Amino acid sequence: MVDWLLFRFFRRSVITRLLFIITFLVILFGTIMHIAEPQTFFTIFDGIWWVVITISTIGYGDFVPDTVIGKLIAMLLILIGTGFITTYFVSLATIAVSKENAYLEGNLKFLGEGHLIIIGWNERARLVIEEYKKAFHEEVIVLIDSSLKKNPMICDRLHFIKGSASDSNTLSLANLSKAKKVLITADQHTTEEQADMQTIVTLVAIRGANPSAYLIAELLTEKHIRNAETIGINEIIKTNELISQLMHENIFVTKLKE
């Protein structure tokens, strides 16, 4: 029984263990002070109150030990209790800083649902994020990218995950299974052929993890469109085709003006 309790205790986080120890010490010393000096600490609650005030270094002075035994207990409490309290708050601060760094560096799991996942960071992704935030104020965007060192846009509704979108661990951090939509932008750091192949691999991984997500992907070449449709993509953005049409229209309009 004792071994099982110790096993459960040490499985808890450092903060939880420290909080348990502090609570135990407060009750223990409060009870001891009531037993040692019942004429000063009329109830166990009075003892607990004095312990809390003492270890928090406030010291109202409404309860003061009168006997030598009481003062020795108080000295022991100050040495032990203050140390645990200091350790507790230092641990809290350390965890807070670690969480903040993990959030900025893209290592903190997203716990929300119904969100939009955007894969790949580039100027197109930045503009999409800005416009999406204007149109849908309450929805959260999760950005996945392996090239960034930290979150490129610090705001309340953008959560950054660092890693490859074809990696199951990265998709798990982005909570893909609870996502509503996924937008894949073409990788600008490689060739068009390689970018499309990478997009297809990512589509397979995403569709396997979330069959109901609405998938939108940017493809640069015609040859991979059929593969994307077979996987079950909902929308395909043919960037090169759109740009070439726009260029043609501009040239045509310019020609008419001559």
C-alpha atoms as a PDB file:
ATOM      1  CA  MET A   1       0.000   0.000   0.000  1.00  0.00           C
ATOM      2  CA  VAL A   2       2.792   2.410   0.954  1.00  0.00           C
ATOM      3  CA  ASP A   3       4.746   1.556  -2.193  1.00  0.00           C
ATOM      4  CA  TRP A   4       1.659   2.186  -4.322  1.00  0.00           C
ATOM      5  CA  LEU A   5       1.064   5.571  -2.669  1.00  0.00           C
ATOM      6  CA  LEU A   6       4.707   6.560  -3.178  1.00  0.00           C
ATOM      7  CA  PHE A   7       4.496   5.470  -6.808  1.00  0.00           C
ATOM      8  CA  ARG A   8       1.379   7.612  -7.361  1.00  0.00           C
ATOM      9  CA  PHE A   9       2.992  10.529  -5.517  1.00  0.00           C
ATOM     10  CA  PHE A  10       6.188  10.572  -7.584  1.00  0.00           C
ATOM     11  CA  ARG A  11       4.212  10.300 -10.820  1.00  0.00           C
ATOM     12  CA  ARG A  12       2.729  13.723 -10.116  1.00  0.00           C
ATOM     13  CA  SER A  13       4.285  16.921 -11.421  1.00  0.00           C
ATOM     14  CA  VAL A  14       6.809  18.831  -9.302  1.00  0.00           C
ATOM     15  CA  ILE A  15       4.280  21.597  -8.656  1.00  0.00           C
ATOM     16  CA  THR A  16       1.645  19.113  -7.467  1.00  0.00           C
ATOM     17  CA  ARG A  17       4.115  17.353  -5.172  1.00  0.00           C
ATOM     18  CA  LEU A  18       5.328  20.628  -3.670  1.00  0.00           C
ATOM     19  CA  LEU A  19       1.756  21.782  -3.117  1.00  0.00           C
ATOM     20  CA  PHE A  20       0.914  18.496  -1.392  1.00  0.00           C
ATOM     21  CA  ILE A  21       3.999  18.739   0.859  1.00  0.00           C
ATOM     22  CA  ILE A  22       3.241  22.363   1.779  1.00  0.00           C
ATOM     23  CA  THR A  23      -0.380  21.506   2.596  1.00  0.00           C
ATOM     24  CA  PHE A  24       0.749  18.564   4.718  1.00  0.00           C
ATOM     25  CA  LEU A  25       3.282  20.728   6.597  1.00  0.00           C
ATOM     26  CA  VAL A  26       0.726  23.470   7.221  1.00  0.00           C
ATOM     27  CA  ILE A  27      -1.757  21.013   8.746  1.00  0.00           C
ATOM     28  CA  LEU A  28       0.983  19.165  10.675  1.00  0.00           C
ATOM     29  CA  PHE A  29       2.576  22.262  12.222  1.00  0.00           C
ATOM     30  CA  GLY A  30      -0.822  23.837  12.877  1.00  0.00           C
ATOM     31  CA  THR A  31      -1.887  20.743  14.813  1.00  0.00           C
ATOM     32  CA  ILE A  32       1.438  20.560  16.695  1.00  0.00           C
ATOM     33  CA  MET A  33       1.202  24.225  17.751  1.00  0.00           C
ATOM     34  CA  HIS A  34      -2.338  23.683  19.024  1.00  0.00           C
ATOM     35  CA  ILE A  35      -1.147  20.706  21.071  1.00  0.00           C
ATOM     36  CA  ALA A  36       2.037  22.454  22.296  1.00  0.00           C
ATOM     37  CA  GLU A  37       0.364  25.760  23.234  1.00  0.00           C
ATOM     38  CA  PRO A  38      -3.407  25.299  23.620  1.00  0.00           C
ATOM     39  CA  GLN A  39      -3.545  28.485  25.711  1.00  0.00           C
ATOM     40  CA  THR A  40      -2.331  30.524  22.700  1.00  0.00           C
ATOM     41  CA  PHE A  41      -3.656  28.507  19.778  1.00  0.00           C
ATOM     42  CA  PHE A  42      -7.163  27.644  20.939  1.00  0.00           C
ATOM     43  CA  THR A  43      -8.051  25.547  17.890  1.00  0.00           C
ATOM     44  CA  ILE A  44      -6.215  23.651  15.181  1.00  0.00           C
ATOM     45  CA  PHE A  45      -7.443  26.278  12.739  1.00  0.00           C
ATOM     46  CA  ASP A  46      -5.676  28.969  14.785  1.00  0.00           C
ATOM     47  CA  GLY A  47      -2.488  26.938  14.462  1.00  0.00           C
ATOM     48  CA  ILE A  48      -2.967  26.520  10.711  1.00  0.00           C
ATOM     49  CA  TRP A  49      -3.653  30.248  10.341  1.00  0.00           C
ATOM     50  CA  TRP A  50      -0.432  31.082  12.178  1.00  0.00           C
ATOM     51  CA  VAL A  51       1.558  28.618  10.045  1.00  0.00           C
ATOM     52  CA  VAL A  52       0.264  30.133   6.790  1.00  0.00           C
ATOM     53  CA  ILE A  53       1.028  33.667   7.967  1.00  0.00           C
ATOM     54  CA  THR A  54       4.485  32.644   9.191  1.00  0.00           C
ATOM     55  CA  ILE A  55       5.709  30.776   6.103  1.00  0.00           C
ATOM     56  CA  SER A  56       4.361  33.506   3.829  1.00  0.00           C
ATOM     57  CA  THR A  57       6.601  35.955   5.808  1.00  0.00           C
ATOM     58  CA  ILE A  58       3.666  38.288   6.511  1.00  0.00           C
ATOM     59  CA  GLY A  59       3.616  37.853  10.290  1.00  0.00           C
ATOM     60  CA  TYR A  60       0.536  39.713  11.578  1.00  0.00           C
ATOM     61  CA  GLY A  61       1.514  39.053  15.189  1.00  0.00           C
ATOM     62  CA  ASP A  62      -1.988  38.052  16.311  1.00  0.00           C
ATOM     63  CA  PHE A  63      -0.597  34.664  17.424  1.00  0.00           C
ATOM     64  CA  VAL A  64       2.885  34.425  18.967  1.00  0.00           C
ATOM     65  CA  PRO A  65       4.400  31.324  20.638  1.00  0.00           C
ATOM     66  CA  ASP A  66       4.993  31.851  24.373  1.00  0.00           C
ATOM     67  CA  THR A  67       6.873  28.719  25.410  1.00  0.00           C
ATOM     68  CA  VAL A  68      10.363  27.534  24.503  1.00  0.00           C
ATOM     69  CA  ILE A  69       8.914  24.477  22.771  1.00  0.00           C
ATOM     70  CA  GLY A  70       6.581  26.687  20.753  1.00  0.00           C
ATOM     71  CA  LYS A  71       9.433  28.966  19.705  1.00  0.00           C
ATOM     72  CA  LEU A  72      11.592  25.987  18.696  1.00  0.00           C
ATOM     73  CA  ILE A  73       8.727  24.663  16.599  1.00  0.00           C
ATOM     74  CA  ALA A  74       8.378  28.126  15.029  1.00  0.00           C
ATOM     75  CA  MET A  75      12.090  28.205  14.169  1.00  0.00           C
ATOM     76  CA  LEU A  76      11.863  24.778  12.567  1.00  0.00           C
ATOM     77  CA  LEU A  77       8.774  25.856  10.635  1.00  0.00           C
ATOM     78  CA  ILE A  78      10.506  28.963   9.295  1.00  0.00           C
ATOM     79  CA  LEU A  79      13.509  26.940   8.130  1.00  0.00           C
ATOM     80  CA  ILE A  80      11.456  24.206   6.473  1.00  0.00           C
ATOM     81  CA  GLY A  81       8.291  25.987   5.396  1.00  0.00           C
ATOM     82  CA  THR A  82       9.888  29.079   3.903  1.00  0.00           C
ATOM     83  CA  GLY A  83      12.210  26.885   1.854  1.00  0.00           C
ATOM     84  CA  PHE A  84       9.313  24.905   0.408  1.00  0.00           C
ATOM     85  CA  ILE A  85       7.305  28.056  -0.322  1.00  0.00           C
ATOM     86  CA  THR A  86      10.277  29.634  -2.117  1.00  0.00           C
ATOM     87  CA  THR A  87      10.874  26.453  -4.102  1.00  0.00           C
ATOM     88  CA  TYR A  88       7.188  26.296  -5.020  1.00  0.00           C
ATOM     89  CA  PHE A  89       7.048  29.808  -6.458  1.00  0.00           C
ATOM     90  CA  VAL A  90      10.400  29.414  -8.210  1.00  0.00           C
ATOM     91  CA  SER A  91       9.061  26.235  -9.810  1.00  0.00           C
ATOM     92  CA  LEU A  92       5.889  28.049 -10.868  1.00  0.00           C
ATOM     93  CA  ALA A  93       7.943  30.820 -12.468  1.00  0.00           C
ATOM     94  CA  THR A  94      10.199  28.298 -14.212  1.00  0.00           C
ATOM     95  CA  ILE A  95       7.230  26.409 -15.628  1.00  0.00           C
ATOM     96  CA  ALA A  96       5.605  29.652 -16.796  1.00  0.00           C
ATOM     97  CA  VAL A  97       8.791  30.699 -18.614  1.00  0.00           C
ATOM     98  CA  SER A  98       9.190  27.215 -20.111  1.00  0.00           C
ATOM     99  CA  LYS A  99       5.590  27.261 -21.362  1.00  0.00           C
ATOM    100  CA  GLU A 100       6.088  30.704 -22.885  1.00  0.00           C
ATOM    101  CA  ASN A 101       9.277  29.604 -24.651  1.00  0.00           C
ATOM    102  CA  ALA A 102       7.588  26.416 -25.866  1.00  0.00           C
ATOM    103  CA  TYR A 103       4.708  28.504 -27.239  1.00  0.00           C
ATOM    104  CA  LEU A 104       7.013  30.913 -29.073  1.00  0.00           C
ATOM    105  CA  GLU A 105       9.247  28.132 -30.420  1.00  0.00           C
ATOM    106  CA  GLY A 106       6.343  25.999 -31.632  1.00  0.00           C
ATOM    107  CA  ASN A 107       6.687  23.109 -29.193  1.00  0.00           C
ATOM    108  CA  LEU A 108       3.447  23.563 -27.241  1.00  0.00           C
ATOM    109  CA  LYS A 109       0.469  21.351 -28.140  1.00  0.00           C
ATOM    110  CA  PHE A 110      -2.690  23.098 -29.295  1.00  0.00           C
ATOM    111  CA  LEU A 111      -5.681  21.937 -27.241  1.00  0.00           C
ATOM    112  CA  GLY A 112      -8.534  23.687 -29.054  1.00  0.00           C
ATOM    113  CA  GLU A 113     -10.854  22.326 -31.724  1.00  0.00           C
ATOM    114  CA  GLY A 114     -12.703  23.497 -34.826  1.00  0.00           C
ATOM    115  CA  HIS A 115      -9.613  25.420 -35.926  1.00  0.00           C
ATOM    116  CA  LEU A 116      -7.959  26.166 -39.252  1.00  0.00           C
ATOM    117  CA  ILE A 117      -4.512  24.671 -39.871  1.00  0.00           C
ATOM    118  CA  ILE A 118      -2.240  26.460 -42.332  1.00  0.00           C
ATOM    119  CA  ILE A 119       0.810  24.520 -43.482  1.00  0.00           C
ATOM    120  CA  GLY A 120       3.824  26.447 -44.737  1.00  0.00           C
ATOM    121  CA  TRP A 121       4.924  30.000 -43.963  1.00  0.00           C
ATOM    122  CA  ASN A 122       5.292  32.493 -46.797  1.00  0.00           C
ATOM    123  CA  GLU A 123       3.844  35.821 -47.871  1.00  0.00           C
ATOM    124  CA  ARG A 124       0.674  34.131 -49.117  1.00  0.00           C
ATOM    125  CA  ALA A 125       0.164  32.448 -45.747  1.00  0.00           C
ATOM    126  CA  ARG A 126       0.713  35.751 -43.939  1.00  0.00           C
ATOM    127  CA  LEU A 127      -1.924  37.518 -46.032  1.00  0.00           C
ATOM    128  CA  VAL A 128      -4.383  34.634 -45.585  1.00  0.00           C
ATOM    129  CA  ILE A 129      -3.915  34.760 -41.807  1.00  0.00           C
ATOM    130  CA  GLU A 130      -4.504  38.513 -41.682  1.00  0.00           C
ATOM    131  CA  GLU A 131      -7.652  38.337 -43.816  1.00  0.00           C
ATOM    132  CA  TYR A 132      -8.991  35.282 -41.979  1.00  0.00           C
ATOM    133  CA  LYS A 133      -8.568  37.030 -38.630  1.00  0.00           C
ATOM    134  CA  LYS A 134     -10.571  39.994 -39.916  1.00  0.00           C
ATOM    135  CA  ALA A 135     -13.396  37.812 -41.226  1.00  0.00           C
ATOM    136  CA  PHE A 136     -13.553  35.280 -38.376  1.00  0.00           C
ATOM    137  CA  HIS A 137     -12.688  37.037 -35.125  1.00  0.00           C
ATOM    138  CA  GLU A 138     -13.185  34.106 -32.780  1.00  0.00           C
ATOM    139  CA  GLU A 139     -11.601  31.265 -34.751  1.00  0.00           C
ATOM    140  CA  VAL A 140      -8.055  30.120 -34.048  1.00  0.00           C
ATOM    141  CA  ILE A 141      -5.395  29.428 -36.673  1.00  0.00           C
ATOM    142  CA  VAL A 142      -2.630  26.867 -36.179  1.00  0.00           C
ATOM    143  CA  LEU A 143       0.434  27.470 -38.344  1.00  0.00           C
ATOM    144  CA  ILE A 144       2.751  24.531 -39.100  1.00  0.00           C
ATOM    145  CA  ASP A 145       6.195  25.236 -40.524  1.00  0.00           C
ATOM    146  CA  SER A 146       9.619  23.624 -40.223  1.00  0.00           C
ATOM    147  CA  SER A 147      11.750  26.566 -41.381  1.00  0.00           C
ATOM    148  CA  LEU A 148      10.728  29.120 -38.751  1.00  0.00           C
ATOM    149  CA  LYS A 149      12.566  29.421 -35.443  1.00  0.00           C
ATOM    150  CA  LYS A 150       9.677  31.076 -33.597  1.00  0.00           C
ATOM    151  CA  ASN A 151       6.110  32.288 -34.011  1.00  0.00           C
ATOM    152  CA  PRO A 152       6.170  34.875 -36.842  1.00  0.00           C
ATOM    153  CA  MET A 153       2.977  36.657 -35.755  1.00  0.00           C
ATOM    154  CA  ILE A 154       2.413  37.028 -32.013  1.00  0.00           C
ATOM    155  CA  CYS A 155      -1.345  37.282 -31.505  1.00  0.00           C
ATOM    156  CA  ASP A 156      -4.049  35.614 -29.438  1.00  0.00           C
ATOM    157  CA  ARG A 157      -5.559  33.545 -32.254  1.00  0.00           C
ATOM    158  CA  LEU A 158      -2.429  32.181 -33.926  1.00  0.00           C
ATOM    159  CA  HIS A 159      -0.741  29.088 -32.519  1.00  0.00           C
ATOM    160  CA  PHE A 160       2.585  28.075 -34.056  1.00  0.00           C
ATOM    161  CA  ILE A 161       3.802  24.471 -34.351  1.00  0.00           C
ATOM    162  CA  LYS A 162       7.350  23.844 -35.554  1.00  0.00           C
ATOM    163  CA  GLY A 163       7.865  20.693 -37.598  1.00  0.00           C
ATOM    164  CA  SER A 164       7.077  18.823 -40.787  1.00  0.00           C
ATOM    165  CA  ALA A 165       3.390  18.512 -41.647  1.00  0.00           C
ATOM    166  CA  SER A 166       3.958  14.947 -42.866  1.00  0.00           C
ATOM    167  CA  ASP A 167       5.160  13.934 -39.384  1.00  0.00           C
ATOM    168  CA  SER A 168       2.464  12.393 -37.183  1.00  0.00           C
ATOM    169  CA  ASN A 169       3.943  13.976 -34.042  1.00  0.00           C
ATOM    170  CA  THR A 170       3.699  17.438 -35.577  1.00  0.00           C
ATOM    171  CA  LEU A 171       0.108  16.827 -36.645  1.00  0.00           C
ATOM    172  CA  SER A 172      -0.683  15.609 -33.144  1.00  0.00           C
ATOM    173  CA  LEU A 173       0.731  18.834 -31.653  1.00  0.00           C
ATOM    174  CA  ALA A 174      -1.552  20.771 -34.007  1.00  0.00           C
ATOM    175  CA  ASN A 175      -4.515  18.659 -32.793  1.00  0.00           C
ATOM    176  CA  LEU A 176      -5.326  17.763 -36.398  1.00  0.00           C
ATOM    177  CA  SER A 177      -8.014  15.264 -35.416  1.00  0.00           C
ATOM    178  CA  LYS A 178     -10.140  18.173 -34.089  1.00  0.00           C
ATOM    179  CA  ALA A 179      -9.384  20.623 -36.926  1.00  0.00           C
ATOM    180  CA  LYS A 180     -12.158  21.872 -39.221  1.00  0.00           C
ATOM    181  CA  LYS A 181     -10.109  23.046 -42.213  1.00  0.00           C
ATOM    182  CA  VAL A 182      -6.557  22.582 -43.486  1.00  0.00           C
ATOM    183  CA  LEU A 183      -4.805  24.815 -46.008  1.00  0.00           C
ATOM    184  CA  ILE A 184      -1.521  23.619 -47.522  1.00  0.00           C
ATOM    185  CA  THR A 185       0.651  26.212 -49.244  1.00  0.00           C
ATOM    186  CA  ALA A 186       3.381  25.194 -51.684  1.00  0.00           C
ATOM    187  CA  ASP A 187       6.921  25.074 -50.308  1.00  0.00           C
ATOM    188  CA  GLN A 188       8.790  28.075 -51.702  1.00  0.00           C
ATOM    189  CA  HIS A 189      12.222  26.673 -50.787  1.00  0.00           C
ATOM    190  CA  THR A 190      12.242  23.904 -53.394  1.00  0.00           C
ATOM    191  CA  THR A 191      11.293  23.191 -57.020  1.00  0.00           C
ATOM    192  CA  GLU A 192       7.677  23.123 -58.193  1.00  0.00           C
ATOM    193  CA  GLU A 193       7.811  19.360 -58.759  1.00  0.00           C
ATOM    194  CA  GLN A 194       9.237  18.659 -55.297  1.00  0.00           C
ATOM    195  CA  ALA A 195       6.813  21.112 -53.694  1.00  0.00           C
ATOM    196  CA  ASP A 196       3.832  19.299 -55.207  1.00  0.00           C
ATOM    197  CA  MET A 197       5.183  15.886 -54.207  1.00  0.00           C
ATOM    198  CA  GLN A 198       5.599  17.160 -50.656  1.00  0.00           C
ATOM    199  CA  THR A 199       2.031  18.480 -50.730  1.00  0.00           C
ATOM    200  CA  ILE A 200       0.708  15.074 -51.835  1.00  0.00           C
ATOM    201  CA  VAL A 201       2.568  13.308 -49.007  1.00  0.00           C
ATOM    202  CA  THR A 202       1.153  15.826 -46.532  1.00  0.00           C
ATOM    203  CA  LEU A 203      -2.367  15.333 -47.910  1.00  0.00           C
ATOM    204  CA  VAL A 204      -2.105  11.575 -47.366  1.00  0.00           C
ATOM    205  CA  ALA A 205      -0.972  12.071 -43.750  1.00  0.00           C
ATOM    206  CA  ILE A 206      -3.718  14.598 -43.029  1.00  0.00           C
ATOM    207  CA  ARG A 207      -6.536  12.623 -44.630  1.00  0.00           C
ATOM    208  CA  GLY A 208      -5.481   9.543 -42.690  1.00  0.00           C
ATOM    209  CA  ALA A 209      -5.567  11.411 -39.370  1.00  0.00           C
ATOM    210  CA  ASN A 210      -8.744  13.397 -40.033  1.00  0.00           C
ATOM    211  CA  PRO A 211     -11.037  12.013 -42.763  1.00  0.00           C
ATOM    212  CA  SER A 212     -13.636  14.766 -42.252  1.00  0.00           C
ATOM    213  CA  ALA A 213     -11.382  17.844 -42.437  1.00  0.00           C
ATOM    214  CA  TYR A 214     -11.979  20.236 -45.340  1.00  0.00           C
ATOM    215  CA  LEU A 215      -8.729  20.137 -47.339  1.00  0.00           C
ATOM    216  CA  ILE A 216      -7.470  22.986 -49.499  1.00  0.00           C
ATOM    217  CA  ALA A 217      -4.070  22.728 -51.181  1.00  0.00           C
ATOM    218  CA  GLU A 218      -1.937  24.817 -53.478  1.00  0.00           C
ATOM    219  CA  LEU A 219      -0.536  22.861 -56.436  1.00  0.00           C
ATOM    220  CA  LEU A 220       1.933  24.254 -58.934  1.00  0.00           C
ATOM    221  CA  THR A 221       1.905  21.564 -61.648  1.00  0.00           C
ATOM    222  CA  GLU A 222      -0.883  19.759 -63.509  1.00  0.00           C
ATOM    223  CA  LYS A 223       0.483  16.235 -63.101  1.00  0.00           C
ATOM    224  CA  HIS A 224      -0.322  15.951 -59.372  1.00  0.00           C
ATOM    225  CA  ILE A 225      -3.907  17.202 -59.532  1.00  0.00           C
ATOM    226  CA  ARG A 226      -5.306  13.722 -60.186  1.00  0.00           C
ATOM    227  CA  ASN A 227      -3.364  12.336 -57.197  1.00  0.00           C
ATOM    228  CA  ALA A 228      -4.769  15.059 -54.959  1.00  0.00           C
ATOM    229  CA  GLU A 229      -8.322  14.335 -56.117  1.00  0.00           C
ATOM    230  CA  THR A 230      -7.837  10.616 -55.460  1.00  0.00           C
ATOM    231  CA  ILE A 231      -6.771  11.364 -51.884  1.00  0.00           C
ATOM    232  CA  GLY A 232      -9.986  13.300 -51.348  1.00  0.00           C
ATOM    233  CA  ILE A 233      -9.003  16.951 -51.517  1.00  0.00           C
ATOM    234  CA  ASN A 234     -11.892  19.436 -51.406  1.00  0.00           C
ATOM    235  CA  GLU A 235     -10.331  22.389 -53.199  1.00  0.00           C
ATOM    236  CA  ILE A 236      -7.227  22.851 -55.350  1.00  0.00           C
ATOM    237  CA  ILE A 237      -5.593  26.241 -55.815  1.00  0.00           C
ATOM    238  CA  LYS A 238      -3.734  26.252 -59.149  1.00  0.00           C
ATOM    239  CA  THR A 239      -1.397  29.138 -58.417  1.00  0.00           C
ATOM    240  CA  ASN A 240       0.575  29.102 -61.657  1.00  0.00           C
ATOM    241  CA  GLU A 241      -2.597  28.908 -63.733  1.00  0.00           C
ATOM    242  CA  LEU A 242      -4.166  31.825 -61.871  1.00  0.00           C
ATOM    243  CA  ILE A 243      -1.036  33.954 -62.184  1.00  0.00           C
ATOM    244  CA  SER A 244      -0.619  33.184 -65.889  1.00  0.00           C
ATOM    245  CA  GLN A 245      -4.260  34.122 -66.536  1.00  0.00           C
ATOM    246  CA  LEU A 246      -3.772  37.384 -64.660  1.00  0.00           C
ATOM    247  CA  MET A 247      -0.626  38.132 -66.649  1.00  0.00           C
ATOM    248  CA  HIS A 248      -2.442  37.394 -69.899  1.00  0.00           C
ATOM    249  CA  GLU A 249      -5.331  39.675 -68.946  1.00  0.00           C
ATOM    250  CA  ASN A 250      -2.936  42.507 -68.102  1.00  0.00           C
ATOM    251  CA  ILE A 251      -1.089  42.064 -71.399  1.00  0.00           C
ATOM    252  CA  PHE A 252      -4.409  41.918 -73.280  1.00  0.00           C
ATOM    253  CA  VAL A 253      -5.706  45.103 -71.618  1.00  0.00           C
ATOM    254  CA  THR A 254      -2.411  46.881 -72.323  1.00  0.00           C
ATOM    255  CA  LYS A 255      -2.612  45.805 -75.971  1.00  0.00           C
ATOM    256  CA  LEU A 256      -6.123  47.209 -76.285  1.00  0.00           C
ATOM    257  CA  LYS A 257      -4.986  50.574 -74.946  1.00  0.00           C
ATOM    258  CA  GLU A 258      -2.313  50.936 -77.634  1.00  0.00           C
END
